[in-house]
């Protein structure tokens, strides 16, 4: 049951891609390419982070240190990708002609917000697990 719900969350996160493609087609030119590039990169990094977290939770190590490490590394990779992507698109004239850096930032932020929204429901399902009965004195 839980694995099926995680598949549903992966599909819900991937739903950001057709939405970004629709916005990109509507905008056209470099702005549309920037939105599509930002959203695609954000969704790819986020799903890779989810996979790393799930894999670390299935490992034999007790505790949540490995999952927290995967979460932190995913966050750092997102920061690196948004910063380097925006700087490269802003300063390189060849890349700037292909994708607008402001649209890239908006697409990246929108996709990260969507994945965060979907991920909160993913975590909510894990938090509803039955708890142990309280110890009686």
N, C-alpha and C. Protein backbone atom coordinates (compact mmCIF):
# COMPACT_ATOMS: atom_id res chain seq x y z
N UNK A 1 0.82 -1.20 0.00
CA UNK A 1 0.00 0.00 0.00
C UNK A 1 0.86 1.26 0.00
N UNK A 2 1.87 1.29 0.85
CA UNK A 2 2.70 2.48 0.93
C UNK A 2 3.51 2.68 -0.34
N UNK A 3 4.00 1.59 -0.94
CA UNK A 3 4.77 1.73 -2.18
C UNK A 3 3.90 2.28 -3.30
N UNK A 4 2.64 1.86 -3.34
CA UNK A 4 1.74 2.38 -4.36
C UNK A 4 1.48 3.86 -4.16
N UNK A 5 1.35 4.30 -2.91
CA UNK A 5 1.11 5.71 -2.66
C UNK A 5 2.35 6.53 -3.03
N UNK A 6 3.54 5.96 -2.83
CA UNK A 6 4.74 6.68 -3.24
C UNK A 6 4.81 6.83 -4.75
N UNK A 7 4.37 5.81 -5.49
CA UNK A 7 4.32 5.93 -6.95
C UNK A 7 3.39 7.06 -7.36
N UNK A 8 2.28 7.18 -6.65
CA UNK A 8 1.34 8.25 -6.93
C UNK A 8 1.98 9.62 -6.68
N UNK A 9 2.79 9.71 -5.64
CA UNK A 9 3.47 10.98 -5.36
C UNK A 9 4.51 11.30 -6.42
N UNK A 10 5.21 10.28 -6.91
CA UNK A 10 6.17 10.52 -7.99
C UNK A 10 5.43 11.03 -9.23
N UNK A 11 4.30 10.43 -9.55
CA UNK A 11 3.51 10.87 -10.71
C UNK A 11 2.97 12.28 -10.50
N UNK A 12 2.55 12.59 -9.27
CA UNK A 12 2.05 13.94 -8.99
C UNK A 12 3.17 14.97 -9.12
N UNK A 13 4.38 14.60 -8.71
CA UNK A 13 5.52 15.52 -8.86
C UNK A 13 5.85 15.70 -10.34
N UNK A 14 5.76 14.63 -11.11
CA UNK A 14 6.04 14.72 -12.55
C UNK A 14 4.97 15.51 -13.29
N UNK A 15 3.82 15.74 -12.66
CA UNK A 15 2.77 16.54 -13.29
C UNK A 15 3.20 17.99 -13.48
N UNK A 16 4.25 18.40 -12.81
CA UNK A 16 4.77 19.76 -13.00
C UNK A 16 5.36 19.93 -14.39
N UNK A 17 5.84 18.85 -14.99
CA UNK A 17 6.48 18.96 -16.30
C UNK A 17 5.51 19.34 -17.41
N UNK A 18 4.34 18.68 -17.54
CA UNK A 18 3.40 19.14 -18.57
C UNK A 18 2.89 20.55 -18.31
N UNK A 19 2.73 20.90 -17.04
CA UNK A 19 2.30 22.27 -16.73
C UNK A 19 3.36 23.28 -17.17
N UNK A 20 4.63 22.96 -16.91
CA UNK A 20 5.71 23.85 -17.35
C UNK A 20 5.79 23.90 -18.87
N UNK A 21 5.54 22.78 -19.53
CA UNK A 21 5.56 22.76 -20.99
C UNK A 21 4.43 23.63 -21.56
N UNK A 22 3.27 23.60 -20.93
CA UNK A 22 2.16 24.43 -21.39
C UNK A 22 2.48 25.91 -21.22
N UNK A 23 3.07 26.27 -20.10
CA UNK A 23 3.47 27.66 -19.88
C UNK A 23 4.56 28.05 -20.88
N UNK A 24 5.50 27.14 -21.12
CA UNK A 24 6.58 27.43 -22.07
C UNK A 24 6.04 27.64 -23.48
N UNK A 25 5.08 26.84 -23.89
CA UNK A 25 4.48 27.03 -25.21
C UNK A 25 3.71 28.34 -25.31
N UNK A 26 3.08 28.71 -24.21
CA UNK A 26 2.34 29.96 -24.20
C UNK A 26 3.29 31.16 -24.28
N UNK A 27 4.38 31.12 -23.54
CA UNK A 27 5.34 32.23 -23.53
C UNK A 27 6.17 32.28 -24.81
N UNK A 28 6.58 31.10 -25.27
CA UNK A 28 7.43 31.03 -26.45
C UNK A 28 8.82 31.57 -26.17
N UNK A 29 9.61 31.73 -27.18
CA UNK A 29 10.99 32.25 -27.20
C UNK A 29 11.84 31.83 -25.99
N UNK A 30 12.71 32.68 -25.54
CA UNK A 30 13.66 32.35 -24.48
C UNK A 30 12.99 32.25 -23.11
N UNK A 31 11.92 32.99 -22.92
CA UNK A 31 11.23 32.91 -21.61
C UNK A 31 10.61 31.53 -21.41
N UNK A 32 10.01 31.01 -22.45
CA UNK A 32 9.42 29.67 -22.36
C UNK A 32 10.48 28.60 -22.13
N UNK A 33 11.59 28.75 -22.81
CA UNK A 33 12.69 27.78 -22.60
C UNK A 33 13.24 27.88 -21.19
N UNK A 34 13.29 29.07 -20.63
CA UNK A 34 13.77 29.24 -19.26
C UNK A 34 12.85 28.58 -18.25
N UNK A 35 11.54 28.75 -18.44
CA UNK A 35 10.57 28.11 -17.54
C UNK A 35 10.69 26.60 -17.63
N UNK A 36 10.75 26.07 -18.84
CA UNK A 36 10.85 24.62 -19.01
C UNK A 36 12.15 24.07 -18.43
N UNK A 37 13.25 24.78 -18.66
CA UNK A 37 14.54 24.33 -18.13
C UNK A 37 14.56 24.34 -16.61
N UNK A 38 14.08 25.41 -16.01
CA UNK A 38 14.06 25.51 -14.55
C UNK A 38 13.16 24.46 -13.91
N UNK A 39 11.97 24.30 -14.45
CA UNK A 39 11.03 23.32 -13.87
C UNK A 39 11.55 21.90 -14.05
N UNK A 40 12.07 21.60 -15.22
CA UNK A 40 12.58 20.24 -15.46
C UNK A 40 13.74 19.90 -14.54
N UNK A 41 14.66 20.83 -14.36
CA UNK A 41 15.80 20.59 -13.49
C UNK A 41 15.37 20.44 -12.03
N UNK A 42 14.45 21.28 -11.59
CA UNK A 42 13.98 21.20 -10.20
C UNK A 42 13.27 19.89 -9.92
N UNK A 43 12.42 19.45 -10.83
CA UNK A 43 11.70 18.18 -10.63
C UNK A 43 12.68 17.01 -10.64
N UNK A 44 13.65 17.04 -11.54
CA UNK A 44 14.63 15.95 -11.61
C UNK A 44 15.44 15.84 -10.32
N UNK A 45 15.90 16.96 -9.81
CA UNK A 45 16.68 16.95 -8.57
C UNK A 45 15.81 16.50 -7.40
N UNK A 46 14.58 16.98 -7.35
CA UNK A 46 13.69 16.63 -6.24
C UNK A 46 13.37 15.14 -6.22
N UNK A 47 13.06 14.58 -7.37
CA UNK A 47 12.74 13.15 -7.42
C UNK A 47 13.97 12.31 -7.11
N UNK A 48 15.14 12.74 -7.57
CA UNK A 48 16.37 12.03 -7.21
C UNK A 48 16.59 12.08 -5.70
N UNK A 49 16.27 13.19 -5.08
CA UNK A 49 16.37 13.30 -3.62
C UNK A 49 15.39 12.39 -2.91
N UNK A 50 14.15 12.30 -3.43
CA UNK A 50 13.17 11.39 -2.83
C UNK A 50 13.65 9.95 -2.92
N UNK A 51 14.21 9.59 -4.06
CA UNK A 51 14.71 8.22 -4.24
C UNK A 51 15.85 7.95 -3.27
N UNK A 52 16.74 8.92 -3.09
CA UNK A 52 17.87 8.75 -2.15
C UNK A 52 17.37 8.63 -0.72
N UNK A 53 16.36 9.42 -0.36
CA UNK A 53 15.80 9.32 1.00
C UNK A 53 15.15 7.95 1.22
N UNK A 54 14.36 7.50 0.26
CA UNK A 54 13.70 6.20 0.41
C UNK A 54 14.72 5.08 0.48
N UNK A 55 15.75 5.18 -0.32
CA UNK A 55 16.79 4.15 -0.30
C UNK A 55 17.53 4.13 1.04
N UNK A 56 17.80 5.30 1.58
CA UNK A 56 18.50 5.35 2.86
C UNK A 56 17.63 4.85 4.00
N UNK A 57 16.32 5.07 3.90
CA UNK A 57 15.42 4.57 4.94
C UNK A 57 15.27 3.05 4.87
N UNK A 58 15.44 2.46 3.67
CA UNK A 58 15.36 1.01 3.55
C UNK A 58 16.66 0.32 3.94
N UNK A 59 17.73 1.09 4.07
CA UNK A 59 19.01 0.47 4.41
C UNK A 59 18.98 -0.07 5.83
N UNK A 60 20.00 -0.80 6.18
CA UNK A 60 20.04 -1.48 7.48
C UNK A 60 20.37 -0.54 8.64
N UNK A 61 20.80 0.67 8.35
CA UNK A 61 21.21 1.56 9.43
C UNK A 61 19.99 2.08 10.19
N UNK A 62 20.04 2.01 11.53
CA UNK A 62 18.91 2.50 12.31
C UNK A 62 18.96 4.03 12.40
N UNK A 63 17.82 4.62 12.64
CA UNK A 63 17.76 6.07 12.78
C UNK A 63 17.53 6.76 11.46
N UNK A 64 17.39 8.06 11.55
CA UNK A 64 17.07 8.83 10.36
C UNK A 64 18.24 9.68 9.89
N UNK A 65 19.44 9.38 10.36
CA UNK A 65 20.59 10.20 9.96
C UNK A 65 20.84 10.14 8.46
N UNK A 66 20.73 8.98 7.87
CA UNK A 66 20.99 8.84 6.44
C UNK A 66 19.93 9.56 5.62
N UNK A 67 18.67 9.49 6.05
CA UNK A 67 17.60 10.18 5.33
C UNK A 67 17.76 11.68 5.46
N UNK A 68 18.15 12.15 6.62
CA UNK A 68 18.38 13.58 6.81
C UNK A 68 19.56 14.05 5.97
N UNK A 69 20.59 13.23 5.86
CA UNK A 69 21.73 13.56 5.03
C UNK A 69 21.31 13.66 3.56
N UNK A 70 20.49 12.71 3.09
CA UNK A 70 20.01 12.75 1.71
C UNK A 70 19.16 14.00 1.47
N UNK A 71 18.33 14.36 2.44
CA UNK A 71 17.51 15.56 2.32
C UNK A 71 18.39 16.82 2.25
N UNK A 72 19.38 16.89 3.10
CA UNK A 72 20.28 18.06 3.12
C UNK A 72 21.09 18.15 1.83
N UNK A 73 21.57 17.02 1.34
CA UNK A 73 22.32 17.04 0.09
C UNK A 73 21.45 17.46 -1.09
N UNK A 74 20.20 17.01 -1.10
CA UNK A 74 19.28 17.42 -2.15
C UNK A 74 19.05 18.92 -2.10
N UNK A 75 18.90 19.46 -0.91
CA UNK A 75 18.72 20.90 -0.75
C UNK A 75 19.94 21.66 -1.26
N UNK A 76 21.12 21.18 -0.94
CA UNK A 76 22.34 21.85 -1.40
C UNK A 76 22.50 21.76 -2.92
N UNK A 77 22.14 20.63 -3.49
CA UNK A 77 22.21 20.49 -4.95
C UNK A 77 21.22 21.45 -5.61
N UNK A 78 20.02 21.61 -5.03
CA UNK A 78 19.06 22.57 -5.57
C UNK A 78 19.61 23.99 -5.50
N UNK A 79 20.21 24.36 -4.39
CA UNK A 79 20.80 25.70 -4.27
C UNK A 79 21.89 25.91 -5.31
N UNK A 80 22.73 24.92 -5.49
CA UNK A 80 23.81 25.01 -6.46
C UNK A 80 23.24 25.14 -7.87
N UNK A 81 22.24 24.34 -8.19
CA UNK A 81 21.66 24.34 -9.54
C UNK A 81 20.96 25.66 -9.84
N UNK A 82 20.23 26.19 -8.87
CA UNK A 82 19.53 27.45 -9.13
C UNK A 82 20.52 28.60 -9.26
N UNK A 83 21.56 28.61 -8.43
CA UNK A 83 22.53 29.70 -8.49
C UNK A 83 23.39 29.64 -9.75
N UNK A 84 23.97 28.49 -10.01
CA UNK A 84 24.84 28.35 -11.18
C UNK A 84 24.05 28.51 -12.47
N UNK A 85 22.84 27.95 -12.51
CA UNK A 85 22.02 28.09 -13.71
C UNK A 85 21.68 29.54 -14.00
N UNK A 86 21.27 30.28 -12.97
CA UNK A 86 20.92 31.68 -13.18
C UNK A 86 22.13 32.51 -13.59
N UNK A 87 23.27 32.27 -12.96
CA UNK A 87 24.47 33.02 -13.31
C UNK A 87 24.92 32.71 -14.73
N UNK A 88 24.90 31.45 -15.10
CA UNK A 88 25.30 31.07 -16.46
C UNK A 88 24.36 31.66 -17.51
N UNK A 89 23.06 31.61 -17.24
CA UNK A 89 22.11 32.16 -18.19
C UNK A 89 22.17 33.69 -18.25
N UNK A 90 22.57 34.31 -17.16
CA UNK A 90 22.66 35.77 -17.12
C UNK A 90 23.92 36.29 -17.81
N UNK A 91 25.03 35.61 -17.62
CA UNK A 91 26.31 36.14 -18.08
C UNK A 91 26.76 35.62 -19.44
N UNK A 92 26.29 34.47 -19.87
CA UNK A 92 26.69 33.92 -21.15
C UNK A 92 25.66 34.32 -22.21
N UNK A 93 26.09 35.12 -23.19
CA UNK A 93 25.15 35.63 -24.18
C UNK A 93 24.55 34.53 -25.06
N UNK A 94 25.33 33.50 -25.33
CA UNK A 94 24.82 32.40 -26.14
C UNK A 94 23.69 31.67 -25.41
N UNK A 95 23.90 31.38 -24.12
CA UNK A 95 22.85 30.72 -23.34
C UNK A 95 21.68 31.65 -23.08
N UNK A 96 21.96 32.94 -22.92
CA UNK A 96 20.88 33.91 -22.67
C UNK A 96 19.93 34.00 -23.87
N UNK A 97 20.45 33.76 -25.06
CA UNK A 97 19.60 33.78 -26.24
C UNK A 97 18.67 32.57 -26.28
N UNK A 98 19.07 31.51 -25.62
CA UNK A 98 18.27 30.28 -25.60
C UNK A 98 17.24 30.30 -24.48
N UNK A 99 17.65 30.69 -23.26
CA UNK A 99 16.77 30.65 -22.10
C UNK A 99 16.96 31.90 -21.24
N UNK A 100 15.86 32.51 -20.85
CA UNK A 100 15.89 33.69 -20.01
C UNK A 100 16.16 33.30 -18.56
N UNK A 101 17.05 34.02 -17.92
CA UNK A 101 17.45 33.64 -16.55
C UNK A 101 16.34 33.91 -15.55
N UNK A 102 15.53 34.95 -15.74
CA UNK A 102 14.44 35.25 -14.80
C UNK A 102 13.34 34.20 -14.92
N UNK A 103 13.05 33.78 -16.14
CA UNK A 103 12.06 32.73 -16.35
C UNK A 103 12.56 31.40 -15.78
N UNK A 104 13.87 31.17 -15.89
CA UNK A 104 14.47 29.97 -15.30
C UNK A 104 14.24 29.95 -13.79
N UNK A 105 14.48 31.09 -13.15
CA UNK A 105 14.28 31.17 -11.69
C UNK A 105 12.81 30.96 -11.32
N UNK A 106 11.90 31.54 -12.09
CA UNK A 106 10.47 31.35 -11.81
C UNK A 106 10.03 29.91 -12.02
N UNK A 107 10.50 29.29 -13.08
CA UNK A 107 10.16 27.88 -13.32
C UNK A 107 10.73 26.97 -12.24
N UNK A 108 11.96 27.24 -11.84
CA UNK A 108 12.59 26.44 -10.79
C UNK A 108 11.83 26.60 -9.48
N UNK A 109 11.51 27.84 -9.11
CA UNK A 109 10.79 28.09 -7.85
C UNK A 109 9.40 27.47 -7.87
N UNK A 110 8.70 27.58 -8.98
CA UNK A 110 7.36 27.00 -9.06
C UNK A 110 7.40 25.48 -8.94
N UNK A 111 8.36 24.85 -9.61
CA UNK A 111 8.46 23.39 -9.53
C UNK A 111 8.86 22.94 -8.13
N UNK A 112 9.77 23.65 -7.49
CA UNK A 112 10.17 23.28 -6.12
C UNK A 112 8.99 23.45 -5.17
N UNK A 113 8.21 24.51 -5.34
CA UNK A 113 7.02 24.70 -4.49
C UNK A 113 6.02 23.58 -4.71
N UNK A 114 5.81 23.17 -5.96
CA UNK A 114 4.88 22.07 -6.25
C UNK A 114 5.37 20.77 -5.62
N UNK A 115 6.65 20.47 -5.79
CA UNK A 115 7.19 19.23 -5.23
C UNK A 115 7.15 19.26 -3.70
N UNK A 116 7.35 20.43 -3.12
CA UNK A 116 7.24 20.56 -1.66
C UNK A 116 5.81 20.29 -1.21
N UNK A 117 4.84 20.80 -1.97
CA UNK A 117 3.43 20.57 -1.67
C UNK A 117 3.09 19.08 -1.75
N UNK A 118 3.52 18.43 -2.82
CA UNK A 118 3.27 16.99 -2.99
C UNK A 118 4.01 16.20 -1.91
N UNK A 119 5.23 16.60 -1.61
CA UNK A 119 6.02 15.91 -0.59
C UNK A 119 5.43 16.02 0.80
N UNK A 120 4.74 17.12 1.08
CA UNK A 120 4.13 17.24 2.40
C UNK A 120 3.04 16.20 2.59
N UNK A 121 2.29 15.91 1.53
CA UNK A 121 1.29 14.84 1.62
C UNK A 121 1.96 13.47 1.71
N UNK A 122 3.10 13.35 1.08
CA UNK A 122 3.86 12.10 1.16
C UNK A 122 4.30 11.84 2.59
N UNK A 123 4.79 12.89 3.24
CA UNK A 123 5.24 12.74 4.63
C UNK A 123 4.06 12.57 5.58
N UNK A 124 2.93 13.20 5.25
CA UNK A 124 1.75 13.10 6.08
C UNK A 124 1.27 11.65 6.16
N UNK A 125 1.35 10.93 5.07
CA UNK A 125 0.96 9.52 5.07
C UNK A 125 1.88 8.68 5.93
N UNK A 126 3.17 9.03 5.94
CA UNK A 126 4.11 8.30 6.78
C UNK A 126 3.91 8.64 8.25
N UNK A 127 3.45 9.85 8.54
CA UNK A 127 3.25 10.26 9.93
C UNK A 127 2.02 9.63 10.55
N UNK A 128 1.10 9.14 9.72
CA UNK A 128 -0.12 8.54 10.26
C UNK A 128 0.05 7.08 10.63
N UNK A 129 1.27 6.60 10.65
CA UNK A 129 1.52 5.20 11.01
C UNK A 129 1.06 4.97 12.45
N UNK A 130 0.56 3.77 12.75
CA UNK A 130 0.09 3.51 14.11
C UNK A 130 1.24 3.60 15.09
N UNK A 131 0.91 4.18 16.23
CA UNK A 131 1.91 4.36 17.28
C UNK A 131 1.74 3.28 18.34
N UNK A 132 2.79 3.15 19.11
CA UNK A 132 2.73 2.16 20.19
C UNK A 132 1.80 2.63 21.29
N UNK A 133 1.25 1.67 22.00
CA UNK A 133 0.39 2.01 23.13
C UNK A 133 1.24 2.59 24.25
N UNK A 134 0.70 3.55 25.01
CA UNK A 134 1.49 4.13 26.10
C UNK A 134 1.72 3.09 27.19
N UNK A 135 2.86 3.23 27.81
CA UNK A 135 3.20 2.30 28.89
C UNK A 135 2.38 2.65 30.12
N UNK A 136 1.89 1.61 30.79
CA UNK A 136 1.14 1.87 32.01
C UNK A 136 2.05 1.69 33.22
N UNK A 137 1.82 2.48 34.22
CA UNK A 137 2.67 2.43 35.41
C UNK A 137 2.12 1.53 36.47
